Amino acid sequence: MWLKTGSGLPNIQKPSIENYVVHIPSLEYQKRSANYLNSLCDALEIYKKELQLIKK
């Protein structure tokens, strides 16, 4: 893949990438993943609050 320059900013030409296959997970998988990550963030916030209480 060659990078072309013109205005000083590199860019990629369409023929260089038009045959690439991009695999996108199903919407259901994306939602499950987001829910799981959100639950981890929620748990982390709880642990942070508990740690602050312990430190007092």
C-alpha atoms as a PDB file:
ATOM      1  CA  MET A   1       0.000   0.000   0.000  1.00  0.00           C
ATOM      2  CA  TRP A   2       1.540   3.285  -1.084  1.00  0.00           C
ATOM      3  CA  LEU A   3       0.950   6.573   0.678  1.00  0.00           C
ATOM      4  CA  LYS A   4       0.587   9.543  -1.624  1.00  0.00           C
ATOM      5  CA  THR A   5       1.314  13.085  -0.582  1.00  0.00           C
ATOM      6  CA  GLY A   6      -0.010  16.288  -2.026  1.00  0.00           C
ATOM      7  CA  SER A   7      -0.806  19.003   0.435  1.00  0.00           C
ATOM      8  CA  GLY A   8       1.704  17.650   2.896  1.00  0.00           C
ATOM      9  CA  LEU A   9      -0.890  15.284   4.372  1.00  0.00           C
ATOM     10  CA  PRO A  10      -0.533  11.568   3.568  1.00  0.00           C
ATOM     11  CA  ASN A  11      -3.531   9.815   2.058  1.00  0.00           C
ATOM     12  CA  ILE A  12      -4.423   6.368   0.805  1.00  0.00           C
ATOM     13  CA  GLN A  13      -5.706   5.880  -2.712  1.00  0.00           C
ATOM     14  CA  LYS A  14      -9.013   4.034  -3.168  1.00  0.00           C
ATOM     15  CA  PRO A  15      -7.577   1.226  -5.367  1.00  0.00           C
ATOM     16  CA  SER A  16      -5.170   0.356  -2.547  1.00  0.00           C
ATOM     17  CA  ILE A  17      -7.975  -0.544  -0.134  1.00  0.00           C
ATOM     18  CA  GLU A  18     -11.153  -1.199  -2.130  1.00  0.00           C
ATOM     19  CA  ASN A  19     -10.692  -4.995  -2.067  1.00  0.00           C
ATOM     20  CA  TYR A  20     -10.082  -5.270   1.677  1.00  0.00           C
ATOM     21  CA  VAL A  21     -12.660  -7.302   3.579  1.00  0.00           C
ATOM     22  CA  VAL A  22     -13.734  -5.799   6.890  1.00  0.00           C
ATOM     23  CA  HIS A  23     -15.410  -8.173   9.322  1.00  0.00           C
ATOM     24  CA  ILE A  24     -17.993  -6.450  11.515  1.00  0.00           C
ATOM     25  CA  PRO A  25     -19.476  -8.378  14.450  1.00  0.00           C
ATOM     26  CA  SER A  26     -23.239  -8.824  14.482  1.00  0.00           C
ATOM     27  CA  LEU A  27     -25.291  -6.153  16.203  1.00  0.00           C
ATOM     28  CA  GLU A  28     -26.295  -8.675  18.879  1.00  0.00           C
ATOM     29  CA  TYR A  29     -22.637  -9.442  19.648  1.00  0.00           C
ATOM     30  CA  GLN A  30     -21.817  -5.724  19.772  1.00  0.00           C
ATOM     31  CA  LYS A  31     -24.677  -5.116  22.212  1.00  0.00           C
ATOM     32  CA  ARG A  32     -23.640  -8.041  24.442  1.00  0.00           C
ATOM     33  CA  SER A  33     -20.044  -6.820  24.438  1.00  0.00           C
ATOM     34  CA  ALA A  34     -21.101  -3.268  25.297  1.00  0.00           C
ATOM     35  CA  ASN A  35     -23.323  -4.512  28.137  1.00  0.00           C
ATOM     36  CA  TYR A  36     -20.501  -6.628  29.531  1.00  0.00           C
ATOM     37  CA  LEU A  37     -18.022  -3.749  29.394  1.00  0.00           C
ATOM     38  CA  ASN A  38     -20.567  -1.405  30.991  1.00  0.00           C
ATOM     39  CA  SER A  39     -21.070  -3.871  33.846  1.00  0.00           C
ATOM     40  CA  LEU A  40     -17.293  -3.989  34.379  1.00  0.00           C
ATOM     41  CA  CYS A  41     -17.191  -0.181  34.499  1.00  0.00           C
ATOM     42  CA  ASP A  42     -20.043  -0.153  37.017  1.00  0.00           C
ATOM     43  CA  ALA A  43     -18.251  -2.697  39.205  1.00  0.00           C
ATOM     44  CA  LEU A  44     -15.047  -0.678  39.012  1.00  0.00           C
ATOM     45  CA  GLU A  45     -16.868   2.449  40.192  1.00  0.00           C
ATOM     46  CA  ILE A  46     -18.292   0.520  43.158  1.00  0.00           C
ATOM     47  CA  TYR A  47     -14.830  -0.778  44.070  1.00  0.00           C
ATOM     48  CA  LYS A  48     -13.374   2.732  43.809  1.00  0.00           C
ATOM     49  CA  LYS A  49     -16.018   4.065  46.206  1.00  0.00           C
ATOM     50  CA  GLU A  50     -15.433   1.199  48.627  1.00  0.00           C
ATOM     51  CA  LEU A  51     -11.691   1.840  48.520  1.00  0.00           C
ATOM     52  CA  GLN A  52     -12.229   5.514  49.312  1.00  0.00           C
ATOM     53  CA  LEU A  53     -14.351   4.543  52.327  1.00  0.00           C
ATOM     54  CA  ILE A  54     -11.667   2.148  53.550  1.00  0.00           C
ATOM     55  CA  LYS A  55      -8.963   4.823  53.209  1.00  0.00           C
ATOM     56  CA  LYS A  56     -10.859   7.258  55.467  1.00  0.00           C
END
